[in-house]
Amino acid sequence: MGLGSTRLFTLTEAKRRAVDALRMVADGVDPIEARRTLRRTAKTMTFEEALDAYVGVHKSTWSKKHAENWPAQVKRHCGAIAKLAVDRIDTQRVLSVLKPIWFDLSEPERE
């Protein structure tokens, strides 16, 4: 299984990817087939389905807390694009999700 071009990934990133793939194998998931399935279906999947598929493939490599919190946070912030097909999500739609978060995070705390 290829881990990515050396021009794009550092040795540390490649090692992390290898460990992720080994964890998937340990969980009975074929990482190559999982990647193929994700690529084949990405054009017809909604954002929510893609998120669920991503979480399903990767959550075995995450802490229990992260596996519970991260998907919930993404769903909370990305509700506006949840039902859109992945191939219909463009830069403007991504920005429509990110801008409120950025502005919320940049607001100074008030007493």
PDB file of N, CA and C in Angstrom:
ATOM      1  N   MET A   1       0.855  -1.176   0.000  1.00  0.00           N
ATOM      2  CA  MET A   1       0.000   0.000   0.000  1.00  0.00           C
ATOM      3  C   MET A   1       0.896   1.233   0.000  1.00  0.00           C
ATOM      4  N   GLY A   2       0.660   2.120  -0.939  1.00  0.00           N
ATOM      5  CA  GLY A   2       1.418   3.359  -0.975  1.00  0.00           C
ATOM      6  C   GLY A   2       0.968   4.299   0.129  1.00  0.00           C
ATOM      7  N   LEU A   3       1.910   5.035   0.671  1.00  0.00           N
ATOM      8  CA  LEU A   3       1.599   5.967   1.755  1.00  0.00           C
ATOM      9  C   LEU A   3       1.648   7.416   1.310  1.00  0.00           C
ATOM     10  N   GLY A   4       1.965   7.646   0.040  1.00  0.00           N
ATOM     11  CA  GLY A   4       2.016   9.006  -0.480  1.00  0.00           C
ATOM     12  C   GLY A   4       3.406   9.374  -0.949  1.00  0.00           C
ATOM     13  N   SER A   5       3.455  10.375  -1.775  1.00  0.00           N
ATOM     14  CA  SER A   5       4.704  10.834  -2.362  1.00  0.00           C
ATOM     15  C   SER A   5       5.618  11.445  -1.302  1.00  0.00           C
ATOM     16  N   THR A   6       6.922  11.199  -1.461  1.00  0.00           N
ATOM     17  CA  THR A   6       7.891  11.803  -0.545  1.00  0.00           C
ATOM     18  C   THR A   6       7.954  13.312  -0.727  1.00  0.00           C
ATOM     19  N   ARG A   7       7.437  13.789  -1.855  1.00  0.00           N
ATOM     20  CA  ARG A   7       7.375  15.237  -2.068  1.00  0.00           C
ATOM     21  C   ARG A   7       6.252  15.869  -1.252  1.00  0.00           C
ATOM     22  N   LEU A   8       5.260  15.063  -0.912  1.00  0.00           N
ATOM     23  CA  LEU A   8       4.100  15.589  -0.193  1.00  0.00           C
ATOM     24  C   LEU A   8       4.106  15.272   1.302  1.00  0.00           C
ATOM     25  N   PHE A   9       4.744  14.156   1.669  1.00  0.00           N
ATOM     26  CA  PHE A   9       4.680  13.718   3.061  1.00  0.00           C
ATOM     27  C   PHE A   9       6.069  13.521   3.641  1.00  0.00           C
ATOM     28  N   THR A  10       6.228  13.985   4.869  1.00  0.00           N
ATOM     29  CA  THR A  10       7.489  13.767   5.572  1.00  0.00           C
ATOM     30  C   THR A  10       7.555  12.312   6.034  1.00  0.00           C
ATOM     31  N   LEU A  11       8.720  11.888   6.475  1.00  0.00           N
ATOM     32  CA  LEU A  11       8.881  10.541   6.995  1.00  0.00           C
ATOM     33  C   LEU A  11       7.957  10.323   8.193  1.00  0.00           C
ATOM     34  N   THR A  12       7.842  11.313   9.034  1.00  0.00           N
ATOM     35  CA  THR A  12       6.972  11.221  10.201  1.00  0.00           C
ATOM     36  C   THR A  12       5.516  11.019   9.784  1.00  0.00           C
ATOM     37  N   GLU A  13       5.071  11.767   8.774  1.00  0.00           N
ATOM     38  CA  GLU A  13       3.693  11.615   8.285  1.00  0.00           C
ATOM     39  C   GLU A  13       3.479  10.239   7.669  1.00  0.00           C
ATOM     40  N   ALA A  14       4.464   9.751   6.928  1.00  0.00           N
ATOM     41  CA  ALA A  14       4.355   8.423   6.320  1.00  0.00           C
ATOM     42  C   ALA A  14       4.278   7.342   7.399  1.00  0.00           C
ATOM     43  N   LYS A  15       5.069   7.494   8.451  1.00  0.00           N
ATOM     44  CA  LYS A  15       5.012   6.525   9.560  1.00  0.00           C
ATOM     45  C   LYS A  15       3.641   6.543  10.227  1.00  0.00           C
ATOM     46  N   ARG A  16       3.069   7.729  10.403  1.00  0.00           N
ATOM     47  CA  ARG A  16       1.740   7.832  11.006  1.00  0.00           C
ATOM     48  C   ARG A  16       0.715   7.142  10.128  1.00  0.00           C
ATOM     49  N   ARG A  17       0.817   7.360   8.813  1.00  0.00           N
ATOM     50  CA  ARG A  17      -0.106   6.721   7.878  1.00  0.00           C
ATOM     51  C   ARG A  17       0.044   5.195   7.923  1.00  0.00           C
ATOM     52  N   ALA A  18       1.276   4.730   8.048  1.00  0.00           N
ATOM     53  CA  ALA A  18       1.512   3.285   8.133  1.00  0.00           C
ATOM     54  C   ALA A  18       0.901   2.706   9.406  1.00  0.00           C
ATOM     55  N   VAL A  19       1.064   3.397  10.509  1.00  0.00           N
ATOM     56  CA  VAL A  19       0.477   2.945  11.771  1.00  0.00           C
ATOM     57  C   VAL A  19      -1.047   2.933  11.674  1.00  0.00           C
ATOM     58  N   ASP A  20      -1.627   3.971  11.065  1.00  0.00           N
ATOM     59  CA  ASP A  20      -3.086   4.008  10.876  1.00  0.00           C
ATOM     60  C   ASP A  20      -3.553   2.802  10.067  1.00  0.00           C
ATOM     61  N   ALA A  21      -2.827   2.479   8.996  1.00  0.00           N
ATOM     62  CA  ALA A  21      -3.195   1.334   8.156  1.00  0.00           C
ATOM     63  C   ALA A  21      -3.065   0.029   8.933  1.00  0.00           C
ATOM     64  N   LEU A  22      -2.017  -0.111   9.721  1.00  0.00           N
ATOM     65  CA  LEU A  22      -1.833  -1.320  10.527  1.00  0.00           C
ATOM     66  C   LEU A  22      -2.944  -1.475  11.569  1.00  0.00           C
ATOM     67  N   ARG A  23      -3.381  -0.373  12.139  1.00  0.00           N
ATOM     68  CA  ARG A  23      -4.488  -0.432  13.098  1.00  0.00           C
ATOM     69  C   ARG A  23      -5.773  -0.889  12.407  1.00  0.00           C
ATOM     70  N   MET A  24      -5.983  -0.398  11.194  1.00  0.00           N
ATOM     71  CA  MET A  24      -7.156  -0.817  10.437  1.00  0.00           C
ATOM     72  C   MET A  24      -7.106  -2.329  10.185  1.00  0.00           C
ATOM     73  N   VAL A  25      -5.946  -2.833   9.793  1.00  0.00           N
ATOM     74  CA  VAL A  25      -5.784  -4.270   9.561  1.00  0.00           C
ATOM     75  C   VAL A  25      -6.072  -5.042  10.848  1.00  0.00           C
ATOM     76  N   ALA A  26      -5.556  -4.537  11.957  1.00  0.00           N
ATOM     77  CA  ALA A  26      -5.799  -5.193  13.249  1.00  0.00           C
ATOM     78  C   ALA A  26      -7.285  -5.230  13.597  1.00  0.00           C
ATOM     79  N   ASP A  27      -8.034  -4.237  13.104  1.00  0.00           N
ATOM     80  CA  ASP A  27      -9.476  -4.189  13.341  1.00  0.00           C
ATOM     81  C   ASP A  27     -10.263  -4.943  12.277  1.00  0.00           C
ATOM     82  N   GLY A  28      -9.556  -5.624  11.379  1.00  0.00           N
ATOM     83  CA  GLY A  28     -10.225  -6.415  10.354  1.00  0.00           C
ATOM     84  C   GLY A  28     -10.657  -5.629   9.128  1.00  0.00           C
ATOM     85  N   VAL A  29     -10.120  -4.427   8.966  1.00  0.00           N
ATOM     86  CA  VAL A  29     -10.470  -3.581   7.820  1.00  0.00           C
ATOM     87  C   VAL A  29      -9.306  -3.578   6.844  1.00  0.00           C
ATOM     88  N   ASP A  30      -9.598  -3.823   5.571  1.00  0.00           N
ATOM     89  CA  ASP A  30      -8.580  -3.749   4.532  1.00  0.00           C
ATOM     90  C   ASP A  30      -8.409  -2.278   4.168  1.00  0.00           C
ATOM     91  N   PRO A  31      -7.281  -1.647   4.514  1.00  0.00           N
ATOM     92  CA  PRO A  31      -7.121  -0.206   4.267  1.00  0.00           C
ATOM     93  C   PRO A  31      -7.147   0.160   2.786  1.00  0.00           C
ATOM     94  N   ILE A  32      -6.671  -0.717   1.927  1.00  0.00           N
ATOM     95  CA  ILE A  32      -6.688  -0.422   0.490  1.00  0.00           C
ATOM     96  C   ILE A  32      -8.124  -0.423  -0.014  1.00  0.00           C
ATOM     97  N   GLU A  33      -8.891  -1.433   0.359  1.00  0.00           N
ATOM     98  CA  GLU A  33     -10.280  -1.505  -0.077  1.00  0.00           C
ATOM     99  C   GLU A  33     -11.101  -0.366   0.529  1.00  0.00           C
ATOM    100  N   ALA A  34     -10.819  -0.002   1.775  1.00  0.00           N
ATOM    101  CA  ALA A  34     -11.532   1.114   2.407  1.00  0.00           C
ATOM    102  C   ALA A  34     -11.277   2.407   1.641  1.00  0.00           C
ATOM    103  N   ARG A  35     -10.042   2.624   1.236  1.00  0.00           N
ATOM    104  CA  ARG A  35      -9.697   3.827   0.471  1.00  0.00           C
ATOM    105  C   ARG A  35     -10.373   3.806  -0.906  1.00  0.00           C
ATOM    106  N   ARG A  36     -10.367   2.654  -1.560  1.00  0.00           N
ATOM    107  CA  ARG A  36     -11.017   2.534  -2.877  1.00  0.00           C
ATOM    108  C   ARG A  36     -12.510   2.816  -2.771  1.00  0.00           C
ATOM    109  N   THR A  37     -13.144   2.227  -1.785  1.00  0.00           N
ATOM    110  CA  THR A  37     -14.586   2.420  -1.599  1.00  0.00           C
ATOM    111  C   THR A  37     -14.896   3.885  -1.358  1.00  0.00           C
ATOM    112  N   LEU A  38     -14.108   4.514  -0.529  1.00  0.00           N
ATOM    113  CA  LEU A  38     -14.322   5.928  -0.244  1.00  0.00           C
ATOM    114  C   LEU A  38     -14.173   6.771  -1.506  1.00  0.00           C
ATOM    115  N   ARG A  39     -13.180   6.487  -2.310  1.00  0.00           N
ATOM    116  CA  ARG A  39     -12.975   7.243  -3.549  1.00  0.00           C
ATOM    117  C   ARG A  39     -14.109   7.010  -4.547  1.00  0.00           C
ATOM    118  N   ARG A  40     -14.570   5.744  -4.668  1.00  0.00           N
ATOM    119  CA  ARG A  40     -15.640   5.414  -5.613  1.00  0.00           C
ATOM    120  C   ARG A  40     -16.943   6.098  -5.260  1.00  0.00           C
ATOM    121  N   THR A  41     -17.236   6.147  -3.990  1.00  0.00           N
ATOM    122  CA  THR A  41     -18.538   6.651  -3.568  1.00  0.00           C
ATOM    123  C   THR A  41     -18.537   8.132  -3.224  1.00  0.00           C
ATOM    124  N   ALA A  42     -17.378   8.758  -3.201  1.00  0.00           N
ATOM    125  CA  ALA A  42     -17.299  10.163  -2.782  1.00  0.00           C
ATOM    126  C   ALA A  42     -18.146  11.082  -3.647  1.00  0.00           C
ATOM    127  N   LYS A  43     -18.258  10.787  -4.920  1.00  0.00           N
ATOM    128  CA  LYS A  43     -19.017  11.668  -5.802  1.00  0.00           C
ATOM    129  C   LYS A  43     -20.516  11.606  -5.540  1.00  0.00           C
ATOM    130  N   THR A  44     -20.997  10.510  -5.032  1.00  0.00           N
ATOM    131  CA  THR A  44     -22.436  10.376  -4.797  1.00  0.00           C
ATOM    132  C   THR A  44     -22.805  10.526  -3.330  1.00  0.00           C
ATOM    133  N   MET A  45     -21.835  10.567  -2.462  1.00  0.00           N
ATOM    134  CA  MET A  45     -22.091  10.681  -1.025  1.00  0.00           C
ATOM    135  C   MET A  45     -22.454  12.103  -0.640  1.00  0.00           C
ATOM    136  N   THR A  46     -23.263  12.205   0.400  1.00  0.00           N
ATOM    137  CA  THR A  46     -23.473  13.512   1.006  1.00  0.00           C
ATOM    138  C   THR A  46     -22.301  13.780   1.941  1.00  0.00           C
ATOM    139  N   PHE A  47     -22.162  15.019   2.364  1.00  0.00           N
ATOM    140  CA  PHE A  47     -21.100  15.357   3.315  1.00  0.00           C
ATOM    141  C   PHE A  47     -21.250  14.516   4.577  1.00  0.00           C
ATOM    142  N   GLU A  48     -22.472  14.378   5.052  1.00  0.00           N
ATOM    143  CA  GLU A  48     -22.735  13.614   6.282  1.00  0.00           C
ATOM    144  C   GLU A  48     -22.330  12.143   6.113  1.00  0.00           C
ATOM    145  N   GLU A  49     -22.634  11.556   4.963  1.00  0.00           N
ATOM    146  CA  GLU A  49     -22.245  10.168   4.705  1.00  0.00           C
ATOM    147  C   GLU A  49     -20.727  10.035   4.618  1.00  0.00           C
ATOM    148  N   ALA A  50     -20.090  11.006   3.983  1.00  0.00           N
ATOM    149  CA  ALA A  50     -18.626  10.983   3.881  1.00  0.00           C
ATOM    150  C   ALA A  50     -17.990  11.104   5.262  1.00  0.00           C
ATOM    151  N   LEU A  51     -18.547  11.970   6.102  1.00  0.00           N
ATOM    152  CA  LEU A  51     -18.044  12.112   7.465  1.00  0.00           C
ATOM    153  C   LEU A  51     -18.189  10.794   8.222  1.00  0.00           C
ATOM    154  N   ASP A  52     -19.351  10.173   8.123  1.00  0.00           N
ATOM    155  CA  ASP A  52     -19.572   8.898   8.813  1.00  0.00           C
ATOM    156  C   ASP A  52     -18.609   7.820   8.319  1.00  0.00           C
ATOM    157  N   ALA A  53     -18.376   7.787   7.004  1.00  0.00           N
ATOM    158  CA  ALA A  53     -17.438   6.812   6.435  1.00  0.00           C
ATOM    159  C   ALA A  53     -16.022   7.081   6.935  1.00  0.00           C
ATOM    160  N   TYR A  54     -15.625   8.353   6.952  1.00  0.00           N
ATOM    161  CA  TYR A  54     -14.291   8.722   7.424  1.00  0.00           C
ATOM    162  C   TYR A  54     -14.107   8.321   8.890  1.00  0.00           C
ATOM    163  N   VAL A  55     -15.093   8.640   9.698  1.00  0.00           N
ATOM    164  CA  VAL A  55     -15.028   8.297  11.119  1.00  0.00           C
ATOM    165  C   VAL A  55     -14.959   6.780  11.285  1.00  0.00           C
ATOM    166  N   GLY A  56     -15.768   6.051  10.508  1.00  0.00           N
ATOM    167  CA  GLY A  56     -15.763   4.598  10.602  1.00  0.00           C
ATOM    168  C   GLY A  56     -14.411   3.990  10.302  1.00  0.00           C
ATOM    169  N   VAL A  57     -13.715   4.571   9.349  1.00  0.00           N
ATOM    170  CA  VAL A  57     -12.406   4.059   8.962  1.00  0.00           C
ATOM    171  C   VAL A  57     -11.334   4.437   9.979  1.00  0.00           C
ATOM    172  N   HIS A  58     -11.426   5.634  10.555  1.00  0.00           N
ATOM    173  CA  HIS A  58     -10.324   6.149  11.371  1.00  0.00           C
ATOM    174  C   HIS A  58     -10.522   6.099  12.886  1.00  0.00           C
ATOM    175  N   LYS A  59     -11.739   5.882  13.357  1.00  0.00           N
ATOM    176  CA  LYS A  59     -11.947   6.041  14.799  1.00  0.00           C
ATOM    177  C   LYS A  59     -11.176   5.037  15.647  1.00  0.00           C
ATOM    178  N   SER A  60     -10.803   3.912  15.069  1.00  0.00           N
ATOM    179  CA  SER A  60     -10.017   2.949  15.850  1.00  0.00           C
ATOM    180  C   SER A  60      -8.633   3.491  16.184  1.00  0.00           C
ATOM    181  N   THR A  61      -8.213   4.539  15.476  1.00  0.00           N
ATOM    182  CA  THR A  61      -6.890   5.124  15.733  1.00  0.00           C
ATOM    183  C   THR A  61      -6.979   6.322  16.689  1.00  0.00           C
ATOM    184  N   TRP A  62      -8.205   6.687  17.070  1.00  0.00           N
ATOM    185  CA  TRP A  62      -8.416   7.851  17.923  1.00  0.00           C
ATOM    186  C   TRP A  62      -8.689   7.442  19.364  1.00  0.00           C
ATOM    187  N   SER A  63      -8.498   8.397  20.267  1.00  0.00           N
ATOM    188  CA  SER A  63      -8.905   8.161  21.655  1.00  0.00           C
ATOM    189  C   SER A  63     -10.432   8.107  21.711  1.00  0.00           C
ATOM    190  N   LYS A  64     -10.961   7.511  22.758  1.00  0.00           N
ATOM    191  CA  LYS A  64     -12.421   7.406  22.898  1.00  0.00           C
ATOM    192  C   LYS A  64     -13.059   8.797  22.919  1.00  0.00           C
ATOM    193  N   LYS A  65     -12.448   9.716  23.649  1.00  0.00           N
ATOM    194  CA  LYS A  65     -12.982  11.074  23.751  1.00  0.00           C
ATOM    195  C   LYS A  65     -13.003  11.761  22.387  1.00  0.00           C
ATOM    196  N   HIS A  66     -11.909  11.641  21.649  1.00  0.00           N
ATOM    197  CA  HIS A  66     -11.841  12.266  20.320  1.00  0.00           C
ATOM    198  C   HIS A  66     -12.873  11.635  19.380  1.00  0.00           C
ATOM    199  N   ALA A  67     -13.032  10.312  19.449  1.00  0.00           N
ATOM    200  CA  ALA A  67     -13.988   9.604  18.581  1.00  0.00           C
ATOM    201  C   ALA A  67     -15.428  10.026  18.862  1.00  0.00           C
ATOM    202  N   GLU A  68     -15.692  10.482  20.074  1.00  0.00           N
ATOM    203  CA  GLU A  68     -17.037  10.960  20.418  1.00  0.00           C
ATOM    204  C   GLU A  68     -17.198  12.443  20.087  1.00  0.00           C
ATOM    205  N   ASN A  69     -16.196  13.242  20.439  1.00  0.00           N
ATOM    206  CA  ASN A  69     -16.322  14.696  20.332  1.00  0.00           C
ATOM    207  C   ASN A  69     -16.132  15.244  18.924  1.00  0.00           C
ATOM    208  N   TRP A  70     -15.103  14.793  18.226  1.00  0.00           N
ATOM    209  CA  TRP A  70     -14.783  15.387  16.933  1.00  0.00           C
ATOM    210  C   TRP A  70     -15.928  15.269  15.929  1.00  0.00           C
ATOM    211  N   PRO A  71     -16.494  14.068  15.722  1.00  0.00           N
ATOM    212  CA  PRO A  71     -17.607  13.989  14.753  1.00  0.00           C
ATOM    213  C   PRO A  71     -18.803  14.855  15.162  1.00  0.00           C
ATOM    214  N   ALA A  72     -19.075  14.928  16.451  1.00  0.00           N
ATOM    215  CA  ALA A  72     -20.196  15.760  16.920  1.00  0.00           C
ATOM    216  C   ALA A  72     -19.940  17.234  16.624  1.00  0.00           C
ATOM    217  N   GLN A  73     -18.720  17.694  16.807  1.00  0.00           N
ATOM    218  CA  GLN A  73     -18.377  19.083  16.526  1.00  0.00           C
ATOM    219  C   GLN A  73     -18.488  19.377  15.030  1.00  0.00           C
ATOM    220  N   VAL A  74     -17.998  18.456  14.198  1.00  0.00           N
ATOM    221  CA  VAL A  74     -18.084  18.661  12.753  1.00  0.00           C
ATOM    222  C   VAL A  74     -19.547  18.733  12.337  1.00  0.00           C
ATOM    223  N   LYS A  75     -20.372  17.809  12.847  1.00  0.00           N
ATOM    224  CA  LYS A  75     -21.797  17.820  12.498  1.00  0.00           C
ATOM    225  C   LYS A  75     -22.467  19.111  12.967  1.00  0.00           C
ATOM    226  N   ARG A  76     -22.084  19.579  14.128  1.00  0.00           N
ATOM    227  CA  ARG A  76     -22.662  20.813  14.666  1.00  0.00           C
ATOM    228  C   ARG A  76     -22.362  22.010  13.768  1.00  0.00           C
ATOM    229  N   HIS A  77     -21.127  22.106  13.329  1.00  0.00           N
ATOM    230  CA  HIS A  77     -20.717  23.266  12.536  1.00  0.00           C
ATOM    231  C   HIS A  77     -21.055  23.139  11.050  1.00  0.00           C
ATOM    232  N   CYS A  78     -21.222  21.936  10.560  1.00  0.00           N
ATOM    233  CA  CYS A  78     -21.394  21.721   9.118  1.00  0.00           C
ATOM    234  C   CYS A  78     -22.820  21.348   8.729  1.00  0.00           C
ATOM    235  N   GLY A  79     -23.785  21.642   9.569  1.00  0.00           N
ATOM    236  CA  GLY A  79     -25.167  21.304   9.271  1.00  0.00           C
ATOM    237  C   GLY A  79     -25.664  21.862   7.954  1.00  0.00           C
ATOM    238  N   ALA A  80     -25.182  23.022   7.567  1.00  0.00           N
ATOM    239  CA  ALA A  80     -25.639  23.670   6.331  1.00  0.00           C
ATOM    240  C   ALA A  80     -25.240  22.894   5.077  1.00  0.00           C
ATOM    241  N   ILE A  81     -24.198  22.078   5.163  1.00  0.00           N
ATOM    242  CA  ILE A  81     -23.760  21.323   3.990  1.00  0.00           C
ATOM    243  C   ILE A  81     -23.933  19.814   4.176  1.00  0.00           C
ATOM    244  N   ALA A  82     -24.505  19.391   5.278  1.00  0.00           N
ATOM    245  CA  ALA A  82     -24.605  17.967   5.609  1.00  0.00           C
ATOM    246  C   ALA A  82     -25.285  17.142   4.529  1.00  0.00           C
ATOM    247  N   LYS A  83     -26.334  17.660   3.927  1.00  0.00           N
ATOM    248  CA  LYS A  83     -27.115  16.893   2.949  1.00  0.00           C
ATOM    249  C   LYS A  83     -26.664  17.102   1.506  1.00  0.00           C
ATOM    250  N   LEU A  84     -25.641  17.925   1.303  1.00  0.00           N
ATOM    251  CA  LEU A  84     -25.138  18.178  -0.055  1.00  0.00           C
ATOM    252  C   LEU A  84     -24.220  17.045  -0.512  1.00  0.00           C
ATOM    253  N   ALA A  85     -24.289  16.716  -1.804  1.00  0.00           N
ATOM    254  CA  ALA A  85     -23.340  15.759  -2.369  1.00  0.00           C
ATOM    255  C   ALA A  85     -21.946  16.360  -2.269  1.00  0.00           C
ATOM    256  N   VAL A  86     -20.990  15.532  -1.960  1.00  0.00           N
ATOM    257  CA  VAL A  86     -19.617  16.007  -1.767  1.00  0.00           C
ATOM    258  C   VAL A  86     -19.113  16.773  -2.987  1.00  0.00           C
ATOM    259  N   ASP A  87     -19.452  16.299  -4.190  1.00  0.00           N
ATOM    260  CA  ASP A  87     -18.941  16.978  -5.379  1.00  0.00           C
ATOM    261  C   ASP A  87     -19.620  18.319  -5.648  1.00  0.00           C
ATOM    262  N   ARG A  88     -20.617  18.683  -4.851  1.00  0.00           N
ATOM    263  CA  ARG A  88     -21.271  19.983  -4.997  1.00  0.00           C
ATOM    264  C   ARG A  88     -20.774  20.994  -3.957  1.00  0.00           C
ATOM    265  N   ILE A  89     -19.886  20.577  -3.089  1.00  0.00           N
ATOM    266  CA  ILE A  89     -19.371  21.467  -2.052  1.00  0.00           C
ATOM    267  C   ILE A  89     -18.160  22.206  -2.612  1.00  0.00           C
ATOM    268  N   ASP A  90     -18.353  23.505  -2.813  1.00  0.00           N
ATOM    269  CA  ASP A  90     -17.289  24.325  -3.386  1.00  0.00           C
ATOM    270  C   ASP A  90     -16.699  25.238  -2.312  1.00  0.00           C
ATOM    271  N   THR A  91     -15.775  26.068  -2.719  1.00  0.00           N
ATOM    272  CA  THR A  91     -15.087  26.960  -1.788  1.00  0.00           C
ATOM    273  C   THR A  91     -16.058  27.864  -1.043  1.00  0.00           C
ATOM    274  N   GLN A  92     -17.035  28.400  -1.746  1.00  0.00           N
ATOM    275  CA  GLN A  92     -18.003  29.308  -1.109  1.00  0.00           C
ATOM    276  C   GLN A  92     -18.764  28.597   0.019  1.00  0.00           C
ATOM    277  N   ARG A  93     -19.148  27.361  -0.233  1.00  0.00           N
ATOM    278  CA  ARG A  93     -19.881  26.623   0.797  1.00  0.00           C
ATOM    279  C   ARG A  93     -18.983  26.299   1.998  1.00  0.00           C
ATOM    280  N   VAL A  94     -17.741  25.961   1.734  1.00  0.00           N
ATOM    281  CA  VAL A  94     -16.804  25.710   2.824  1.00  0.00           C
ATOM    282  C   VAL A  94     -16.617  26.985   3.644  1.00  0.00           C
ATOM    283  N   LEU A  95     -16.455  28.108   2.961  1.00  0.00           N
ATOM    284  CA  LEU A  95     -16.297  29.380   3.664  1.00  0.00           C
ATOM    285  C   LEU A  95     -17.545  29.740   4.471  1.00  0.00           C
ATOM    286  N   SER A  96     -18.715  29.378   3.953  1.00  0.00           N
ATOM    287  CA  SER A  96     -19.945  29.677   4.694  1.00  0.00           C
ATOM    288  C   SER A  96     -19.996  28.918   6.015  1.00  0.00           C
ATOM    289  N   VAL A  97     -19.316  27.792   6.068  1.00  0.00           N
ATOM    290  CA  VAL A  97     -19.234  27.013   7.307  1.00  0.00           C
ATOM    291  C   VAL A  97     -18.127  27.562   8.205  1.00  0.00           C
ATOM    292  N   LEU A  98     -16.994  27.910   7.622  1.00  0.00           N
ATOM    293  CA  LEU A  98     -15.835  28.320   8.424  1.00  0.00           C
ATOM    294  C   LEU A  98     -15.912  29.747   8.967  1.00  0.00           C
ATOM    295  N   LYS A  99     -16.450  30.680   8.188  1.00  0.00           N
ATOM    296  CA  LYS A  99     -16.451  32.078   8.615  1.00  0.00           C
ATOM    297  C   LYS A  99     -17.104  32.295   9.985  1.00  0.00           C
ATOM    298  N   PRO A 100     -18.261  31.720  10.258  1.00  0.00           N
ATOM    299  CA  PRO A 100     -18.842  31.928  11.593  1.00  0.00           C
ATOM    300  C   PRO A 100     -17.948  31.393  12.718  1.00  0.00           C
ATOM    301  N   ILE A 101     -17.264  30.291  12.454  1.00  0.00           N
ATOM    302  CA  ILE A 101     -16.366  29.728  13.462  1.00  0.00           C
ATOM    303  C   ILE A 101     -15.175  30.652  13.663  1.00  0.00           C
ATOM    304  N   TRP A 102     -14.589  31.118  12.562  1.00  0.00           N
ATOM    305  CA  TRP A 102     -13.439  32.015  12.657  1.00  0.00           C
ATOM    306  C   TRP A 102     -13.795  33.277  13.410  1.00  0.00           C
ATOM    307  N   PHE A 103     -14.932  33.873  13.075  1.00  0.00           N
ATOM    308  CA  PHE A 103     -15.305  35.117  13.738  1.00  0.00           C
ATOM    309  C   PHE A 103     -15.641  34.880  15.199  1.00  0.00           C
ATOM    310  N   ASP A 104     -16.249  33.749  15.504  1.00  0.00           N
ATOM    311  CA  ASP A 104     -16.578  33.418  16.887  1.00  0.00           C
ATOM    312  C   ASP A 104     -15.300  33.242  17.702  1.00  0.00           C
ATOM    313  N   LEU A 105     -14.298  32.595  17.107  1.00  0.00           N
ATOM    314  CA  LEU A 105     -13.035  32.363  17.810  1.00  0.00           C
ATOM    315  C   LEU A 105     -12.209  33.628  17.954  1.00  0.00           C
ATOM    316  N   SER A 106     -12.404  34.568  17.049  1.00  0.00           N
ATOM    317  CA  SER A 106     -11.596  35.776  17.100  1.00  0.00           C
ATOM    318  C   SER A 106     -12.198  36.859  18.002  1.00  0.00           C
ATOM    319  N   GLU A 107     -13.425  36.659  18.433  1.00  0.00           N
ATOM    320  CA  GLU A 107     -14.067  37.635  19.320  1.00  0.00           C
ATOM    321  C   GLU A 107     -13.384  37.613  20.678  1.00  0.00           C
ATOM    322  N   PRO A 108     -13.030  38.764  21.205  1.00  0.00           N
ATOM    323  CA  PRO A 108     -12.431  38.790  22.558  1.00  0.00           C
ATOM    324  C   PRO A 108     -13.485  38.412  23.588  1.00  0.00           C
ATOM    325  N   GLU A 109     -13.036  37.745  24.633  1.00  0.00           N
ATOM    326  CA  GLU A 109     -13.963  37.367  25.705  1.00  0.00           C
ATOM    327  C   GLU A 109     -14.410  38.626  26.439  1.00  0.00           C
ATOM    328  N   ARG A 110     -15.673  38.680  26.747  1.00  0.00           N
ATOM    329  CA  ARG A 110     -16.230  39.825  27.476  1.00  0.00           C
ATOM    330  C   ARG A 110     -16.674  39.383  28.844  1.00  0.00           C
ATOM    331  N   GLU A 111     -16.514  40.271  29.777  1.00  0.00           N
ATOM    332  CA  GLU A 111     -16.890  39.939  31.148  1.00  0.00           C
ATOM    333  C   GLU A 111     -18.264  40.457  31.461  1.00  0.00           C
TER     334      GLU A 111
END
